[in-house]
C-alpha atoms as a PDB file:
ATOM      1  CA  MET A   1     135.368 112.133 115.902  1.00  0.00           C
ATOM      2  CA  THR A   2     134.437 115.384 114.220  1.00  0.00           C
ATOM      3  CA  GLU A   3     131.000 116.676 113.775  1.00  0.00           C
ATOM      4  CA  ARG A   4     131.301 116.790 109.780  1.00  0.00           C
ATOM      5  CA  THR A   5     132.338 112.882 109.971  1.00  0.00           C
ATOM      6  CA  GLY A   6     129.214 111.789 112.958  1.00  0.00           C
ATOM      7  CA  ALA A   7     126.749 113.763 109.716  1.00  0.00           C
ATOM      8  CA  GLN A   8     128.343 112.277 107.307  1.00  0.00           C
ATOM      9  CA  ARG A   9     128.334 108.448 108.936  1.00  0.00           C
ATOM     10  CA  ALA A  10     124.579 109.455 109.426  1.00  0.00           C
ATOM     11  CA  LEU A  11     124.392 110.258 105.717  1.00  0.00           C
ATOM     12  CA  THR A  12     125.929 106.944 104.482  1.00  0.00           C
ATOM     13  CA  ILE A  13     123.798 104.504 107.370  1.00  0.00           C
ATOM     14  CA  LEU A  14     120.783 106.368 105.482  1.00  0.00           C
ATOM     15  CA  ALA A  15     121.618 105.926 102.217  1.00  0.00           C
ATOM     16  CA  SER A  16     122.333 102.289 102.648  1.00  0.00           C
ATOM     17  CA  LEU A  17     119.372 101.646 104.051  1.00  0.00           C
ATOM     18  CA  HIS A  18     116.752 103.338 100.997  1.00  0.00           C
ATOM     19  CA  VAL A  19     115.917 100.274 100.456  1.00  0.00           C
ATOM     20  CA  GLU A  20     114.750  98.597 104.212  1.00  0.00           C
ATOM     21  CA  LEU A  21     112.938 102.368 105.089  1.00  0.00           C
ATOM     22  CA  LEU A  22     111.071 102.300 101.887  1.00  0.00           C
ATOM     23  CA  LEU A  23     109.489  98.394 102.619  1.00  0.00           C
ATOM     24  CA  LEU A  24     108.832  99.940 105.717  1.00  0.00           C
ATOM     25  CA  VAL A  25     106.957 102.777 104.103  1.00  0.00           C
ATOM     26  CA  PHE A  26     104.619  99.644 102.192  1.00  0.00           C
ATOM     27  CA  CYS A  27     104.476  97.675 104.823  1.00  0.00           C
ATOM     28  CA  GLY A  28     103.017 100.691 106.908  1.00  0.00           C
ATOM     29  CA  VAL A  29     100.258 101.753 103.829  1.00  0.00           C
ATOM     30  CA  ILE A  30      99.451  98.155 104.482  1.00  0.00           C
ATOM     31  CA  PHE A  31      98.687  98.366 107.963  1.00  0.00           C
ATOM     32  CA  MET A  32      96.648 101.456 107.159  1.00  0.00           C
ATOM     33  CA  GLY A  33      94.465  99.781 105.056  1.00  0.00           C
ATOM     34  CA  THR A  34      93.717  96.698 106.649  1.00  0.00           C
ATOM     35  CA  ALA A  35      93.103  98.157 109.610  1.00  0.00           C
ATOM     36  CA  ARG A  36      89.711  99.834 107.654  1.00  0.00           C
ATOM     37  CA  THR A  37      89.433  96.543 106.170  1.00  0.00           C
ATOM     38  CA  GLU A  38      85.470  95.353 107.354  1.00  0.00           C
ATOM     39  CA  GLY A  39      84.718  91.752 107.061  1.00  0.00           C
ATOM     40  CA  PRO A  40      81.616  90.089 106.609  1.00  0.00           C
ATOM     41  CA  VAL A  41      80.347  89.072 110.311  1.00  0.00           C
ATOM     42  CA  PHE A  42      80.058  85.692 109.478  1.00  0.00           C
ATOM     43  CA  ASP A  43      83.683  85.553 109.277  1.00  0.00           C
ATOM     44  CA  VAL A  44      85.519  85.108 112.322  1.00  0.00           C
ATOM     45  CA  VAL A  45      88.819  85.863 111.102  1.00  0.00           C
ATOM     46  CA  GLY A  46      88.394  88.674 108.213  1.00  0.00           C
ATOM     47  CA  PRO A  47      90.442  90.184 104.929  1.00  0.00           C
ATOM     48  CA  ASP A  48      92.788  91.454 106.338  1.00  0.00           C
ATOM     49  CA  LEU A  49      94.630  88.600 108.135  1.00  0.00           C
ATOM     50  CA  LEU A  50      96.836  87.558 105.675  1.00  0.00           C
ATOM     51  CA  PRO A  51      97.855  90.693 105.072  1.00  0.00           C
ATOM     52  CA  THR A  52      98.811  92.133 107.931  1.00  0.00           C
ATOM     53  CA  ILE A  53     100.355  88.943 109.308  1.00  0.00           C
ATOM     54  CA  THR A  54     102.125  89.397 106.389  1.00  0.00           C
ATOM     55  CA  ALA A  55     103.167  92.777 106.589  1.00  0.00           C
ATOM     56  CA  ALA A  56     103.724  92.371 109.929  1.00  0.00           C
ATOM     57  CA  ILE A  57     106.707  89.616 109.195  1.00  0.00           C
ATOM     58  CA  VAL A  58     108.438  91.880 106.494  1.00  0.00           C
ATOM     59  CA  ALA A  59     108.326  94.731 108.401  1.00  0.00           C
ATOM     60  CA  VAL A  60     110.089  92.909 111.633  1.00  0.00           C
ATOM     61  CA  LEU A  61     112.478  91.007 109.187  1.00  0.00           C
ATOM     62  CA  VAL A  62     112.721  94.232 108.025  1.00  0.00           C
ATOM     63  CA  ILE A  63     113.525  96.370 111.652  1.00  0.00           C
ATOM     64  CA  ILE A  64     115.806  93.530 112.231  1.00  0.00           C
ATOM     65  CA  GLN A  65     118.190  94.272 108.925  1.00  0.00           C
ATOM     66  CA  ILE A  66     117.966  97.273 109.347  1.00  0.00           C
ATOM     67  CA  VAL A  67     118.981  96.452 112.986  1.00  0.00           C
ATOM     68  CA  VAL A  68     122.615  94.850 111.854  1.00  0.00           C
ATOM     69  CA  GLN A  69     123.426  97.030 109.094  1.00  0.00           C
ATOM     70  CA  VAL A  70     123.264 100.048 111.752  1.00  0.00           C
ATOM     71  CA  ILE A  71     125.893  98.097 113.663  1.00  0.00           C
ATOM     72  CA  ARG A  72     127.606  97.326 110.932  1.00  0.00           C
ATOM     73  CA  SER A  73     128.220 100.150 109.946  1.00  0.00           C
ATOM     74  CA  VAL A  74     129.111 102.415 113.092  1.00  0.00           C
ATOM     75  CA  ARG A  75     131.753  99.472 114.238  1.00  0.00           C
ATOM     76  CA  GLY A  76     133.078  99.647 110.506  1.00  0.00           C
ATOM     77  CA  PRO A  77     134.809 102.412 109.022  1.00  0.00           C
ATOM     78  CA  LEU A  78     133.083 104.443 106.606  1.00  0.00           C
ATOM     79  CA  PRO A  79     131.986 103.453 103.703  1.00  0.00           C
ATOM     80  CA  GLY A  80     131.806 105.908 100.814  1.00  0.00           C
ATOM     81  CA  ILE A  81     128.711 106.707  98.847  1.00  0.00           C
ATOM     82  CA  THR A  82     129.058 105.768  95.015  1.00  0.00           C
ATOM     83  CA  ILE A  83     126.499 106.157  92.660  1.00  0.00           C
ATOM     84  CA  ASP A  84     126.172 103.659  89.700  1.00  0.00           C
ATOM     85  CA  PRO A  85     124.452 105.380  86.614  1.00  0.00           C
ATOM     86  CA  ALA A  86     123.633 101.064  84.843  1.00  0.00           C
ATOM     87  CA  ALA A  87     121.820 101.304  88.476  1.00  0.00           C
ATOM     88  CA  VAL A  88     119.487 104.106  88.993  1.00  0.00           C
ATOM     89  CA  ARG A  89     118.530 103.546  85.008  1.00  0.00           C
ATOM     90  CA  ASN A  90     117.249  99.222  86.334  1.00  0.00           C
ATOM     91  CA  GLY A  91     115.873 100.843  89.141  1.00  0.00           C
ATOM     92  CA  ALA A  92     114.007 103.661  87.272  1.00  0.00           C
ATOM     93  CA  VAL A  93     112.646 101.307  84.224  1.00  0.00           C
ATOM     94  CA  PHE A  94     112.009  98.651  87.324  1.00  0.00           C
ATOM     95  CA  THR A  95     109.971 100.976  88.592  1.00  0.00           C
ATOM     96  CA  ALA A  96     108.498 101.906  85.513  1.00  0.00           C
ATOM     97  CA  ALA A  97     107.411  98.285  84.383  1.00  0.00           C
ATOM     98  CA  THR A  98     105.902  97.297  88.041  1.00  0.00           C
ATOM     99  CA  ALA A  99     104.021 100.671  87.936  1.00  0.00           C
ATOM    100  CA  LEU A 100     102.737 100.015  84.286  1.00  0.00           C
ATOM    101  CA  PHE A 101     102.142  95.475  84.878  1.00  0.00           C
ATOM    102  CA  VAL A 102      99.351  96.535  88.368  1.00  0.00           C
ATOM    103  CA  VAL A 103      98.131  98.873  86.036  1.00  0.00           C
ATOM    104  CA  ALA A 104      97.515  96.884  82.583  1.00  0.00           C
ATOM    105  CA  VAL A 105      95.978  94.033  84.693  1.00  0.00           C
ATOM    106  CA  ALA A 106      93.897  96.561  87.211  1.00  0.00           C
ATOM    107  CA  ARG A 107      92.253  98.171  84.201  1.00  0.00           C
ATOM    108  CA  GLY A 108      92.698  94.813  82.189  1.00  0.00           C
ATOM    109  CA  TRP A 109      94.785  96.639  79.362  1.00  0.00           C
ATOM    110  CA  LEU A 110      96.644  92.923  78.980  1.00  0.00           C
ATOM    111  CA  PRO A 111      95.331  89.249  80.773  1.00  0.00           C
ATOM    112  CA  PHE A 112      97.473  87.800  83.531  1.00  0.00           C
ATOM    113  CA  ALA A 113      99.524  85.536  81.817  1.00  0.00           C
ATOM    114  CA  LEU A 114      99.976  87.704  79.019  1.00  0.00           C
ATOM    115  CA  ALA A 115     101.341  91.496  81.168  1.00  0.00           C
ATOM    116  CA  THR A 116     103.351  89.036  83.407  1.00  0.00           C
ATOM    117  CA  CYS A 117     104.807  87.298  80.177  1.00  0.00           C
ATOM    118  CA  VAL A 118     105.746  90.703  79.607  1.00  0.00           C
ATOM    119  CA  PHE A 119     107.233  92.209  82.409  1.00  0.00           C
ATOM    120  CA  MET A 120     109.691  89.080  83.632  1.00  0.00           C
ATOM    121  CA  ALA A 121     110.988  89.751  80.001  1.00  0.00           C
ATOM    122  CA  ILE A 122     111.518  93.459  80.984  1.00  0.00           C
ATOM    123  CA  ASN A 123     112.513  92.340  83.870  1.00  0.00           C
ATOM    124  CA  THR A 124     115.217  89.441  82.423  1.00  0.00           C
ATOM    125  CA  MET A 125     116.963  91.516  80.634  1.00  0.00           C
ATOM    126  CA  LEU A 126     117.421  94.552  83.479  1.00  0.00           C
ATOM    127  CA  LEU A 127     118.656  91.315  85.989  1.00  0.00           C
ATOM    128  CA  SER A 128     121.454  90.186  82.622  1.00  0.00           C
ATOM    129  CA  ASN A 129     122.532  94.068  82.185  1.00  0.00           C
ATOM    130  CA  ARG A 130     122.234  93.770  78.547  1.00  0.00           C
ATOM    131  CA  LEU A 131     119.723  94.155  75.651  1.00  0.00           C
ATOM    132  CA  HIS A 132     119.386  90.795  73.831  1.00  0.00           C
ATOM    133  CA  TRP A 133     116.207  88.975  73.030  1.00  0.00           C
ATOM    134  CA  ARG A 134     117.715  85.298  73.519  1.00  0.00           C
ATOM    135  CA  ASP A 135     117.092  87.156  77.588  1.00  0.00           C
ATOM    136  CA  ALA A 136     113.598  87.978  76.656  1.00  0.00           C
ATOM    137  CA  ALA A 137     112.660  84.465  75.422  1.00  0.00           C
ATOM    138  CA  VAL A 138     113.900  83.077  78.507  1.00  0.00           C
ATOM    139  CA  GLY A 139     111.755  86.034  80.429  1.00  0.00           C
ATOM    140  CA  ALA A 140     109.107  86.196  78.205  1.00  0.00           C
ATOM    141  CA  ALA A 141     108.454  82.122  78.376  1.00  0.00           C
ATOM    142  CA  SER A 142     108.860  81.585  82.192  1.00  0.00           C
ATOM    143  CA  GLY A 143     106.983  84.860  82.508  1.00  0.00           C
ATOM    144  CA  LEU A 144     104.200  83.194  81.074  1.00  0.00           C
ATOM    145  CA  ALA A 145     104.578  79.976  82.556  1.00  0.00           C
ATOM    146  CA  LEU A 146     104.218  81.588  85.530  1.00  0.00           C
ATOM    147  CA  GLY A 147     101.488  83.704  84.713  1.00  0.00           C
ATOM    148  CA  ILE A 148      98.937  80.397  83.880  1.00  0.00           C
ATOM    149  CA  VAL A 149     100.404  78.941  86.655  1.00  0.00           C
ATOM    150  CA  LEU A 150      99.318  81.369  89.061  1.00  0.00           C
ATOM    151  CA  GLN A 151      95.860  81.949  87.278  1.00  0.00           C
ATOM    152  CA  PHE A 152      94.761  78.646  87.644  1.00  0.00           C
ATOM    153  CA  MET A 153      96.176  78.909  91.256  1.00  0.00           C
ATOM    154  CA  PHE A 154      94.416  82.183  92.400  1.00  0.00           C
ATOM    155  CA  THR A 155      91.454  81.201  90.600  1.00  0.00           C
ATOM    156  CA  ARG A 156      90.768  77.634  91.108  1.00  0.00           C
ATOM    157  CA  VAL A 157      92.021  76.963  93.700  1.00  0.00           C
ATOM    158  CA  LEU A 158      92.096  79.531  96.464  1.00  0.00           C
ATOM    159  CA  PHE A 159      88.663  81.452  94.562  1.00  0.00           C
ATOM    160  CA  ILE A 160      90.654  84.725  93.824  1.00  0.00           C
ATOM    161  CA  ASP A 161      89.181  86.172  90.578  1.00  0.00           C
ATOM    162  CA  LEU A 162      92.159  88.686  88.760  1.00  0.00           C
ATOM    163  CA  PRO A 163      91.104  91.591  86.736  1.00  0.00           C
ATOM    164  CA  GLY A 164      92.076  90.527  83.107  1.00  0.00           C
END
């Protein structure tokens, strides 16, 4: 194995792990946020237990996935790096839609159920890889139902107020 092939293999492995690495960064941000959280003195568990445990479970599973992918990549032939423009476009639209969803709900621009409806309509069209009104309608209907159920679960069952 030459230096160039080793460097190519390392870059290919890193390129294939971009989602996993972003998930680990996200878990790290959650750990940093929960480390600064101080719960009320009467609460033994504290408000940071659930997010910390969830982030730890996700981080462990992602690390296992990284190890498996690295072992497969080292043992197997050197795969080529290909960039699918449609996947890049869909990823950018998904990222923008997610950010807009979070901002719209946090700022109270839209009620939670309506924001979920719009978000699901956009993502359904992204997953189907076509801009068709039926895909948007199915996504909007399922998003509205999901938004109403989640709104009820958070506010009435878990007693967590949602903005909007």
